[in-house]
PDB file of N, CA and C in Angstrom:
ATOM      1  N   MET A   1      20.556 -20.828 -18.885  1.00  0.00           N
ATOM      2  CA  MET A   1      20.121 -21.049 -19.508  1.00  0.00           C
ATOM      3  C   MET A   1      18.923 -21.548 -19.401  1.00  0.00           C
ATOM      4  N   GLN A   2      18.637 -22.515 -18.240  1.00  0.00           N
ATOM      5  CA  GLN A   2      17.710 -23.655 -17.854  1.00  0.00           C
ATOM      6  C   GLN A   2      16.743 -23.161 -17.343  1.00  0.00           C
ATOM      7  N   VAL A   3      17.025 -21.798 -16.656  1.00  0.00           N
ATOM      8  CA  VAL A   3      15.746 -21.014 -15.820  1.00  0.00           C
ATOM      9  C   VAL A   3      15.298 -20.293 -17.034  1.00  0.00           C
ATOM     10  N   THR A   4      15.576 -19.831 -18.124  1.00  0.00           N
ATOM     11  CA  THR A   4      14.919 -19.028 -19.340  1.00  0.00           C
ATOM     12  C   THR A   4      13.955 -20.426 -19.790  1.00  0.00           C
ATOM     13  N   LEU A   5      14.239 -21.388 -20.112  1.00  0.00           N
ATOM     14  CA  LEU A   5      13.865 -22.302 -20.723  1.00  0.00           C
ATOM     15  C   LEU A   5      12.594 -22.781 -20.045  1.00  0.00           C
ATOM     16  N   ASP A   6      13.080 -22.930 -18.384  1.00  0.00           N
ATOM     17  CA  ASP A   6      11.553 -23.414 -17.781  1.00  0.00           C
ATOM     18  C   ASP A   6      10.577 -22.301 -17.691  1.00  0.00           C
ATOM     19  N   ALA A   7      11.407 -20.722 -17.681  1.00  0.00           N
ATOM     20  CA  ALA A   7      10.524 -19.482 -17.611  1.00  0.00           C
ATOM     21  C   ALA A   7       9.705 -19.881 -18.737  1.00  0.00           C
ATOM     22  N   ILE A   8      10.194 -20.203 -20.346  1.00  0.00           N
ATOM     23  CA  ILE A   8       9.089 -19.972 -21.158  1.00  0.00           C
ATOM     24  C   ILE A   8       7.849 -20.965 -21.049  1.00  0.00           C
ATOM     25  N   LYS A   9       8.479 -22.064 -20.914  1.00  0.00           N
ATOM     26  CA  LYS A   9       8.003 -23.367 -20.528  1.00  0.00           C
ATOM     27  C   LYS A   9       6.237 -22.850 -19.911  1.00  0.00           C
ATOM     28  N   ARG A  10       6.641 -22.162 -18.704  1.00  0.00           N
ATOM     29  CA  ARG A  10       5.349 -21.782 -17.860  1.00  0.00           C
ATOM     30  C   ARG A  10       4.619 -20.814 -18.252  1.00  0.00           C
ATOM     31  N   VAL A  11       5.343 -19.620 -19.128  1.00  0.00           N
ATOM     32  CA  VAL A  11       4.761 -18.566 -19.840  1.00  0.00           C
ATOM     33  C   VAL A  11       3.846 -18.994 -20.844  1.00  0.00           C
ATOM     34  N   PHE A  12       4.586 -19.806 -21.806  1.00  0.00           N
ATOM     35  CA  PHE A  12       3.858 -19.843 -23.023  1.00  0.00           C
ATOM     36  C   PHE A  12       3.709 -21.574 -23.142  1.00  0.00           C
ATOM     37  N   LEU A  13       2.550 -21.757 -22.394  1.00  0.00           N
ATOM     38  CA  LEU A  13       1.552 -23.363 -22.293  1.00  0.00           C
ATOM     39  C   LEU A  13       1.433 -23.674 -23.695  1.00  0.00           C
ATOM     40  N   ASN A  14       1.133 -23.144 -25.052  1.00  0.00           N
ATOM     41  CA  ASN A  14       0.921 -23.754 -26.252  1.00  0.00           C
ATOM     42  C   ASN A  14       2.494 -23.628 -26.791  1.00  0.00           C
ATOM     43  N   LEU A  15       2.968 -23.572 -26.265  1.00  0.00           N
ATOM     44  CA  LEU A  15       4.592 -23.658 -27.082  1.00  0.00           C
ATOM     45  C   LEU A  15       4.804 -24.966 -28.177  1.00  0.00           C
ATOM     46  N   ILE A  16       5.371 -24.944 -29.503  1.00  0.00           N
ATOM     47  CA  ILE A  16       5.519 -25.622 -30.224  1.00  0.00           C
ATOM     48  C   ILE A  16       6.883 -25.942 -30.565  1.00  0.00           C
ATOM     49  N   GLU A  17       7.455 -26.957 -29.831  1.00  0.00           N
ATOM     50  CA  GLU A  17       8.664 -27.268 -29.652  1.00  0.00           C
ATOM     51  C   GLU A  17       9.728 -27.427 -31.371  1.00  0.00           C
ATOM     52  N   PRO A  18      10.569 -26.984 -31.568  1.00  0.00           N
ATOM     53  CA  PRO A  18      11.434 -26.807 -32.921  1.00  0.00           C
ATOM     54  C   PRO A  18      11.717 -28.080 -33.474  1.00  0.00           C
ATOM     55  N   LYS A  19      12.127 -28.461 -32.563  1.00  0.00           N
ATOM     56  CA  LYS A  19      12.738 -29.897 -33.043  1.00  0.00           C
ATOM     57  C   LYS A  19      11.452 -31.062 -33.438  1.00  0.00           C
ATOM     58  N   LYS A  20      10.284 -30.884 -32.883  1.00  0.00           N
ATOM     59  CA  LYS A  20       9.233 -32.240 -32.831  1.00  0.00           C
ATOM     60  C   LYS A  20       8.571 -31.646 -34.312  1.00  0.00           C
ATOM     61  N   TYR A  21       8.076 -30.221 -34.448  1.00  0.00           N
ATOM     62  CA  TYR A  21       7.644 -29.796 -35.359  1.00  0.00           C
ATOM     63  C   TYR A  21       8.206 -28.743 -36.500  1.00  0.00           C
ATOM     64  N   ALA A  22       9.276 -29.147 -36.778  1.00  0.00           N
ATOM     65  CA  ALA A  22      10.089 -28.228 -37.332  1.00  0.00           C
ATOM     66  C   ALA A  22       9.336 -28.400 -39.024  1.00  0.00           C
ATOM     67  N   LEU A  23       9.189 -29.478 -39.365  1.00  0.00           N
ATOM     68  CA  LEU A  23       8.343 -29.834 -41.107  1.00  0.00           C
ATOM     69  C   LEU A  23       6.799 -28.885 -40.833  1.00  0.00           C
ATOM     70  N   LYS A  24       6.376 -29.145 -39.815  1.00  0.00           N
ATOM     71  CA  LYS A  24       5.089 -28.637 -40.058  1.00  0.00           C
ATOM     72  C   LYS A  24       5.243 -26.915 -39.626  1.00  0.00           C
ATOM     73  N   LEU A  25       6.133 -26.208 -39.244  1.00  0.00           N
ATOM     74  CA  LEU A  25       6.255 -24.796 -38.853  1.00  0.00           C
ATOM     75  C   LEU A  25       6.683 -24.363 -40.210  1.00  0.00           C
ATOM     76  N   ALA A  26       7.674 -24.724 -41.176  1.00  0.00           N
ATOM     77  CA  ALA A  26       7.993 -24.566 -42.470  1.00  0.00           C
ATOM     78  C   ALA A  26       6.700 -23.858 -43.225  1.00  0.00           C
ATOM     79  N   ASP A  27       5.718 -24.868 -42.973  1.00  0.00           N
ATOM     80  CA  ASP A  27       4.363 -24.182 -43.577  1.00  0.00           C
ATOM     81  C   ASP A  27       4.099 -23.035 -43.219  1.00  0.00           C
ATOM     82  N   VAL A  28       3.709 -23.112 -41.809  1.00  0.00           N
ATOM     83  CA  VAL A  28       3.487 -21.605 -41.304  1.00  0.00           C
ATOM     84  C   VAL A  28       4.053 -20.481 -41.360  1.00  0.00           C
ATOM     85  N   TRP A  29       5.242 -20.631 -41.534  1.00  0.00           N
ATOM     86  CA  TRP A  29       6.467 -19.729 -41.781  1.00  0.00           C
ATOM     87  C   TRP A  29       7.081 -19.839 -43.084  1.00  0.00           C
ATOM     88  N   SER A  30       6.050 -19.664 -44.317  1.00  0.00           N
ATOM     89  CA  SER A  30       6.888 -19.835 -45.721  1.00  0.00           C
ATOM     90  C   SER A  30       7.605 -18.876 -45.669  1.00  0.00           C
ATOM     91  N   ILE A  31       7.436 -17.701 -45.370  1.00  0.00           N
ATOM     92  CA  ILE A  31       8.967 -16.238 -45.831  1.00  0.00           C
ATOM     93  C   ILE A  31      10.312 -17.165 -45.288  1.00  0.00           C
ATOM     94  N   GLU A  32      10.285 -18.332 -44.484  1.00  0.00           N
ATOM     95  CA  GLU A  32      11.570 -18.790 -44.372  1.00  0.00           C
ATOM     96  C   GLU A  32      12.339 -19.539 -45.560  1.00  0.00           C
ATOM     97  N   TYR A  33      11.203 -19.639 -46.500  1.00  0.00           N
ATOM     98  CA  TYR A  33      11.994 -20.452 -48.062  1.00  0.00           C
ATOM     99  C   TYR A  33      12.530 -19.500 -48.704  1.00  0.00           C
ATOM    100  N   LEU A  34      11.498 -18.339 -48.662  1.00  0.00           N
ATOM    101  CA  LEU A  34      12.324 -17.091 -49.416  1.00  0.00           C
ATOM    102  C   LEU A  34      13.306 -16.639 -48.746  1.00  0.00           C
ATOM    103  N   TRP A  35      14.016 -16.436 -47.449  1.00  0.00           N
ATOM    104  CA  TRP A  35      14.843 -15.986 -46.902  1.00  0.00           C
ATOM    105  C   TRP A  35      15.850 -17.104 -47.250  1.00  0.00           C
ATOM    106  N   ASP A  36      15.734 -18.461 -47.490  1.00  0.00           N
ATOM    107  CA  ASP A  36      16.590 -19.333 -47.884  1.00  0.00           C
ATOM    108  C   ASP A  36      17.417 -19.332 -49.336  1.00  0.00           C
ATOM    109  N   ILE A  37      16.369 -18.959 -49.921  1.00  0.00           N
ATOM    110  CA  ILE A  37      17.083 -18.631 -51.251  1.00  0.00           C
ATOM    111  C   ILE A  37      17.701 -17.585 -51.343  1.00  0.00           C
ATOM    112  N   LEU A  38      17.146 -16.334 -50.925  1.00  0.00           N
ATOM    113  CA  LEU A  38      17.766 -15.721 -51.089  1.00  0.00           C
ATOM    114  C   LEU A  38      19.490 -15.340 -50.559  1.00  0.00           C
ATOM    115  N   LYS A  39      19.655 -16.196 -49.216  1.00  0.00           N
ATOM    116  CA  LYS A  39      20.601 -16.719 -48.402  1.00  0.00           C
ATOM    117  C   LYS A  39      21.387 -17.559 -49.337  1.00  0.00           C
ATOM    118  N   GLU A  40      20.751 -18.204 -50.022  1.00  0.00           N
ATOM    119  CA  GLU A  40      21.814 -19.337 -50.889  1.00  0.00           C
ATOM    120  C   GLU A  40      22.521 -18.483 -52.161  1.00  0.00           C
ATOM    121  N   LYS A  41      21.680 -17.089 -52.338  1.00  0.00           N
ATOM    122  CA  LYS A  41      21.834 -17.031 -53.867  1.00  0.00           C
ATOM    123  C   LYS A  41      23.084 -15.768 -53.347  1.00  0.00           C
ATOM    124  N   LEU A  42      23.184 -15.682 -52.041  1.00  0.00           N
ATOM    125  CA  LEU A  42      24.027 -14.410 -51.636  1.00  0.00           C
ATOM    126  C   LEU A  42      25.380 -14.989 -51.015  1.00  0.00           C
ATOM    127  N   ARG A  43      24.996 -16.563 -51.075  1.00  0.00           N
ATOM    128  CA  ARG A  43      26.480 -17.452 -50.028  1.00  0.00           C
ATOM    129  C   ARG A  43      27.775 -17.261 -50.740  1.00  0.00           C
ATOM    130  N   GLY A  44      28.764 -16.977 -50.118  1.00  0.00           N
ATOM    131  CA  GLY A  44      29.875 -16.768 -50.681  1.00  0.00           C
ATOM    132  C   GLY A  44      30.455 -15.346 -51.084  1.00  0.00           C
ATOM    133  N   CYS A  45      29.546 -14.220 -50.823  1.00  0.00           N
ATOM    134  CA  CYS A  45      30.074 -13.233 -51.153  1.00  0.00           C
ATOM    135  C   CYS A  45      30.392 -12.455 -50.258  1.00  0.00           C
ATOM    136  N   GLU A  46      31.290 -11.527 -50.157  1.00  0.00           N
ATOM    137  CA  GLU A  46      31.813 -10.788 -49.331  1.00  0.00           C
ATOM    138  C   GLU A  46      31.767  -9.146 -49.596  1.00  0.00           C
ATOM    139  N   TYR A  47      31.329  -8.580 -48.563  1.00  0.00           N
ATOM    140  CA  TYR A  47      31.239  -7.038 -48.804  1.00  0.00           C
ATOM    141  C   TYR A  47      31.843  -6.284 -47.796  1.00  0.00           C
ATOM    142  N   SER A  48      32.249  -5.298 -48.688  1.00  0.00           N
ATOM    143  CA  SER A  48      33.125  -4.158 -47.487  1.00  0.00           C
ATOM    144  C   SER A  48      32.397  -3.383 -46.809  1.00  0.00           C
ATOM    145  N   ASP A  49      31.114  -3.107 -47.322  1.00  0.00           N
ATOM    146  CA  ASP A  49      30.064  -2.463 -46.472  1.00  0.00           C
ATOM    147  C   ASP A  49      28.951  -2.706 -46.311  1.00  0.00           C
ATOM    148  N   ILE A  50      27.839  -2.570 -45.534  1.00  0.00           N
ATOM    149  CA  ILE A  50      26.264  -2.783 -45.402  1.00  0.00           C
ATOM    150  C   ILE A  50      25.760  -2.411 -46.900  1.00  0.00           C
ATOM    151  N   GLU A  51      26.156  -1.579 -47.664  1.00  0.00           N
ATOM    152  CA  GLU A  51      25.340  -1.046 -48.888  1.00  0.00           C
ATOM    153  C   GLU A  51      25.302  -1.944 -49.914  1.00  0.00           C
ATOM    154  N   GLN A  52      26.465  -2.654 -50.122  1.00  0.00           N
ATOM    155  CA  GLN A  52      27.076  -3.429 -50.989  1.00  0.00           C
ATOM    156  C   GLN A  52      25.626  -4.817 -51.131  1.00  0.00           C
ATOM    157  N   LEU A  53      25.773  -4.977 -49.437  1.00  0.00           N
ATOM    158  CA  LEU A  53      24.837  -6.167 -49.509  1.00  0.00           C
ATOM    159  C   LEU A  53      23.393  -5.447 -49.264  1.00  0.00           C
ATOM    160  N   LYS A  54      22.815  -4.418 -48.960  1.00  0.00           N
ATOM    161  CA  LYS A  54      21.840  -4.001 -49.232  1.00  0.00           C
ATOM    162  C   LYS A  54      21.498  -3.850 -50.907  1.00  0.00           C
ATOM    163  N   ASN A  55      22.462  -3.586 -51.858  1.00  0.00           N
ATOM    164  CA  ASN A  55      22.181  -3.224 -53.084  1.00  0.00           C
ATOM    165  C   ASN A  55      21.956  -5.024 -54.012  1.00  0.00           C
ATOM    166  N   ASP A  56      22.916  -6.034 -53.344  1.00  0.00           N
ATOM    167  CA  ASP A  56      22.516  -7.537 -53.934  1.00  0.00           C
ATOM    168  C   ASP A  56      21.599  -7.915 -53.468  1.00  0.00           C
ATOM    169  N   ILE A  57      21.417  -7.582 -52.206  1.00  0.00           N
ATOM    170  CA  ILE A  57      19.831  -8.018 -51.767  1.00  0.00           C
ATOM    171  C   ILE A  57      18.563  -7.689 -52.741  1.00  0.00           C
ATOM    172  N   LYS A  58      18.618  -6.195 -53.027  1.00  0.00           N
ATOM    173  CA  LYS A  58      17.602  -6.135 -53.921  1.00  0.00           C
ATOM    174  C   LYS A  58      17.714  -6.140 -55.264  1.00  0.00           C
ATOM    175  N   LYS A  59      19.197  -6.779 -55.531  1.00  0.00           N
ATOM    176  CA  LYS A  59      18.941  -7.307 -57.051  1.00  0.00           C
ATOM    177  C   LYS A  59      18.353  -8.562 -57.070  1.00  0.00           C
ATOM    178  N   GLU A  60      18.620  -9.514 -55.717  1.00  0.00           N
ATOM    179  CA  GLU A  60      18.168 -11.017 -56.134  1.00  0.00           C
ATOM    180  C   GLU A  60      16.796 -10.948 -55.726  1.00  0.00           C
ATOM    181  N   TRP A  61      16.563  -9.902 -54.897  1.00  0.00           N
ATOM    182  CA  TRP A  61      14.704  -9.799 -54.389  1.00  0.00           C
ATOM    183  C   TRP A  61      13.863 -10.649 -55.196  1.00  0.00           C
ATOM    184  N   ASN A  62      14.127 -10.362 -56.573  1.00  0.00           N
ATOM    185  CA  ASN A  62      13.289 -10.686 -57.725  1.00  0.00           C
ATOM    186  C   ASN A  62      13.474 -12.328 -57.653  1.00  0.00           C
ATOM    187  N   ILE A  63      12.502 -12.855 -56.917  1.00  0.00           N
ATOM    188  CA  ILE A  63      12.357 -14.514 -56.881  1.00  0.00           C
ATOM    189  C   ILE A  63      10.917 -14.670 -57.595  1.00  0.00           C
ATOM    190  N   ASN A  64      11.383 -15.904 -58.692  1.00  0.00           N
ATOM    191  CA  ASN A  64      10.178 -17.020 -59.322  1.00  0.00           C
ATOM    192  C   ASN A  64       8.800 -16.786 -58.542  1.00  0.00           C
ATOM    193  N   ILE A  65       7.502 -15.974 -58.959  1.00  0.00           N
ATOM    194  CA  ILE A  65       6.526 -16.550 -58.144  1.00  0.00           C
ATOM    195  C   ILE A  65       6.138 -17.788 -58.162  1.00  0.00           C
ATOM    196  N   SER A  66       6.541 -18.649 -58.610  1.00  0.00           N
ATOM    197  CA  SER A  66       6.173 -20.282 -59.313  1.00  0.00           C
ATOM    198  C   SER A  66       6.640 -20.590 -57.899  1.00  0.00           C
ATOM    199  N   ILE A  67       7.888 -20.716 -57.595  1.00  0.00           N
ATOM    200  CA  ILE A  67       8.448 -20.557 -56.230  1.00  0.00           C
ATOM    201  C   ILE A  67       7.536 -20.207 -55.024  1.00  0.00           C
ATOM    202  N   CYS A  68       6.669 -19.282 -54.715  1.00  0.00           N
ATOM    203  CA  CYS A  68       5.830 -19.408 -53.608  1.00  0.00           C
ATOM    204  C   CYS A  68       4.798 -19.737 -53.639  1.00  0.00           C
ATOM    205  N   GLN A  69       5.127 -20.324 -54.484  1.00  0.00           N
ATOM    206  CA  GLN A  69       3.216 -21.137 -54.948  1.00  0.00           C
ATOM    207  C   GLN A  69       3.545 -22.489 -54.001  1.00  0.00           C
TER     208      GLN A  69
END
């Protein structure tokens, strides 16, 4: 793992450390807020197949626009 981390540091000179800038990254990747909302809505549900999960995701995807703003 350390070899990989060292390689990343060499290749990606402008890499943003997640621990240091996690709050700032939330602004950059605001879609993550929507995924969190969706995960929370589906938390605790159990699915016997992928189609059930897809259907529930489609049902819950209707997220209020004010949350996005």
